[in-house]
C-alpha atoms as a PDB file:
ATOM      1  CA  MET A   1      -6.099   5.240 -12.964  1.00  0.00           C
ATOM      2  CA  SER A   2      -3.223   7.715 -12.783  1.00  0.00           C
ATOM      3  CA  THR A   3       0.228   6.644 -13.754  1.00  0.00           C
ATOM      4  CA  PRO A   4       2.516   5.830 -10.814  1.00  0.00           C
ATOM      5  CA  SER A   5       4.618   8.945 -11.461  1.00  0.00           C
ATOM      6  CA  ASP A   6       1.508  11.144 -10.968  1.00  0.00           C
ATOM      7  CA  LEU A   7       0.752   9.657  -7.550  1.00  0.00           C
ATOM      8  CA  PRO A   8       2.063  10.694  -4.119  1.00  0.00           C
ATOM      9  CA  PRO A   9       5.034   8.799  -2.678  1.00  0.00           C
ATOM     10  CA  VAL A  10       3.921   5.528  -1.117  1.00  0.00           C
ATOM     11  CA  GLU A  11       5.609   6.296   2.200  1.00  0.00           C
ATOM     12  CA  THR A  12       3.379   9.375   2.687  1.00  0.00           C
ATOM     13  CA  LEU A  13       0.143   7.368   2.518  1.00  0.00           C
ATOM     14  CA  THR A  14      -1.863   6.168   5.479  1.00  0.00           C
ATOM     15  CA  TYR A  15      -2.749   2.485   5.647  1.00  0.00           C
ATOM     16  CA  GLU A  16      -6.263   3.201   4.451  1.00  0.00           C
ATOM     17  CA  GLN A  17      -5.064   5.317   1.516  1.00  0.00           C
ATOM     18  CA  ALA A  18      -2.473   2.735   0.467  1.00  0.00           C
ATOM     19  CA  LEU A  19      -4.952  -0.134   0.683  1.00  0.00           C
ATOM     20  CA  ALA A  20      -7.587   1.763  -1.324  1.00  0.00           C
ATOM     21  CA  GLU A  21      -5.034   2.599  -4.009  1.00  0.00           C
ATOM     22  CA  LEU A  22      -3.856  -1.006  -4.089  1.00  0.00           C
ATOM     23  CA  GLU A  23      -7.430  -2.228  -4.546  1.00  0.00           C
ATOM     24  CA  ASP A  24      -7.953   0.286  -7.386  1.00  0.00           C
ATOM     25  CA  LEU A  25      -4.682  -0.742  -8.987  1.00  0.00           C
ATOM     26  CA  VAL A  26      -5.576  -4.445  -8.930  1.00  0.00           C
ATOM     27  CA  ALA A  27      -8.973  -3.690 -10.447  1.00  0.00           C
ATOM     28  CA  ALA A  28      -7.333  -1.598 -13.181  1.00  0.00           C
ATOM     29  CA  LEU A  29      -4.844  -4.335 -13.988  1.00  0.00           C
ATOM     30  CA  GLU A  30      -7.637  -6.897 -14.193  1.00  0.00           C
ATOM     31  CA  ALA A  31     -10.021  -4.771 -16.266  1.00  0.00           C
ATOM     32  CA  GLU A  32      -7.899  -2.629 -18.552  1.00  0.00           C
ATOM     33  CA  HIS A  33      -5.449  -3.313 -21.304  1.00  0.00           C
ATOM     34  CA  GLN A  34      -2.110  -1.635 -20.667  1.00  0.00           C
ATOM     35  CA  THR A  35       1.113  -1.827 -22.516  1.00  0.00           C
ATOM     36  CA  LEU A  36       3.698  -4.080 -20.956  1.00  0.00           C
ATOM     37  CA  THR A  37       5.615  -1.042 -19.713  1.00  0.00           C
ATOM     38  CA  GLU A  38       2.490   0.428 -18.082  1.00  0.00           C
ATOM     39  CA  ALA A  39       1.526  -2.893 -16.512  1.00  0.00           C
ATOM     40  CA  LEU A  40       5.024  -3.324 -15.078  1.00  0.00           C
ATOM     41  CA  ALA A  41       4.938   0.183 -13.607  1.00  0.00           C
ATOM     42  CA  LEU A  42       1.553  -0.529 -12.018  1.00  0.00           C
ATOM     43  CA  TYR A  43       2.827  -3.856 -10.697  1.00  0.00           C
ATOM     44  CA  ALA A  44       5.873  -2.159  -9.140  1.00  0.00           C
ATOM     45  CA  ARG A  45       3.627   0.451  -7.517  1.00  0.00           C
ATOM     46  CA  GLY A  46       1.394  -2.340  -6.218  1.00  0.00           C
ATOM     47  CA  GLN A  47       4.359  -4.138  -4.688  1.00  0.00           C
ATOM     48  CA  ALA A  48       5.451  -0.923  -2.966  1.00  0.00           C
ATOM     49  CA  LEU A  49       1.917  -0.344  -1.679  1.00  0.00           C
ATOM     50  CA  ALA A  50       1.658  -3.915  -0.356  1.00  0.00           C
ATOM     51  CA  GLN A  51       5.013  -3.619   1.421  1.00  0.00           C
ATOM     52  CA  HIS A  52       4.002  -0.252   2.900  1.00  0.00           C
ATOM     53  CA  CYS A  53       0.718  -1.696   4.185  1.00  0.00           C
ATOM     54  CA  ALA A  54       2.555  -4.646   5.731  1.00  0.00           C
ATOM     55  CA  ALA A  55       5.060  -2.324   7.420  1.00  0.00           C
ATOM     56  CA  LEU A  56       2.266  -0.152   8.832  1.00  0.00           C
ATOM     57  CA  LEU A  57       0.463  -3.242  10.165  1.00  0.00           C
ATOM     58  CA  ASP A  58       3.698  -4.517  11.729  1.00  0.00           C
ATOM     59  CA  GLN A  59       4.213  -1.157  13.427  1.00  0.00           C
ATOM     60  CA  ALA A  60       0.630  -1.138  14.704  1.00  0.00           C
ATOM     61  CA  GLU A  61       1.152  -4.626  16.151  1.00  0.00           C
ATOM     62  CA  LEU A  62       4.337  -3.499  17.892  1.00  0.00           C
ATOM     63  CA  ASN A  63       2.518  -0.469  19.302  1.00  0.00           C
ATOM     64  CA  LEU A  64      -0.248  -2.708  20.675  1.00  0.00           C
ATOM     65  CA  ARG A  65       2.234  -5.114  22.231  1.00  0.00           C
ATOM     66  CA  ASP A  66       4.084  -2.190  23.793  1.00  0.00           C
ATOM     67  CA  ALA A  67       0.824  -0.796  25.168  1.00  0.00           C
ATOM     68  CA  PHE A  68      -0.067  -4.150  26.747  1.00  0.00           C
ATOM     69  CA  VAL A  69       3.373  -4.458  28.339  1.00  0.00           C
ATOM     70  CA  LYS A  70       3.106  -0.977  29.823  1.00  0.00           C
ATOM     71  CA  ALA A  71      -0.515  -1.391  30.963  1.00  0.00           C
ATOM     72  CA  PRO A  72      -0.930  -1.787  34.731  1.00  0.00           C
ATOM     73  CA  VAL A  73      -2.247  -5.150  35.840  1.00  0.00           C
END
């Protein structure tokens, strides 16, 4: 797994990209032995990825609600 500084900014990732990276990051944290500093950096990246995914899902929900409100009955 690349170090967080080698990766693209979280806010540029699609939901699918962010989720895939988050899954890889969790697997790396569970399987590998990092230094405390490395593990903390990975954890911080994971938190940012999780928040980004949640924000993208919230926006998708708002878009769907807006579409239903605007849909003719």
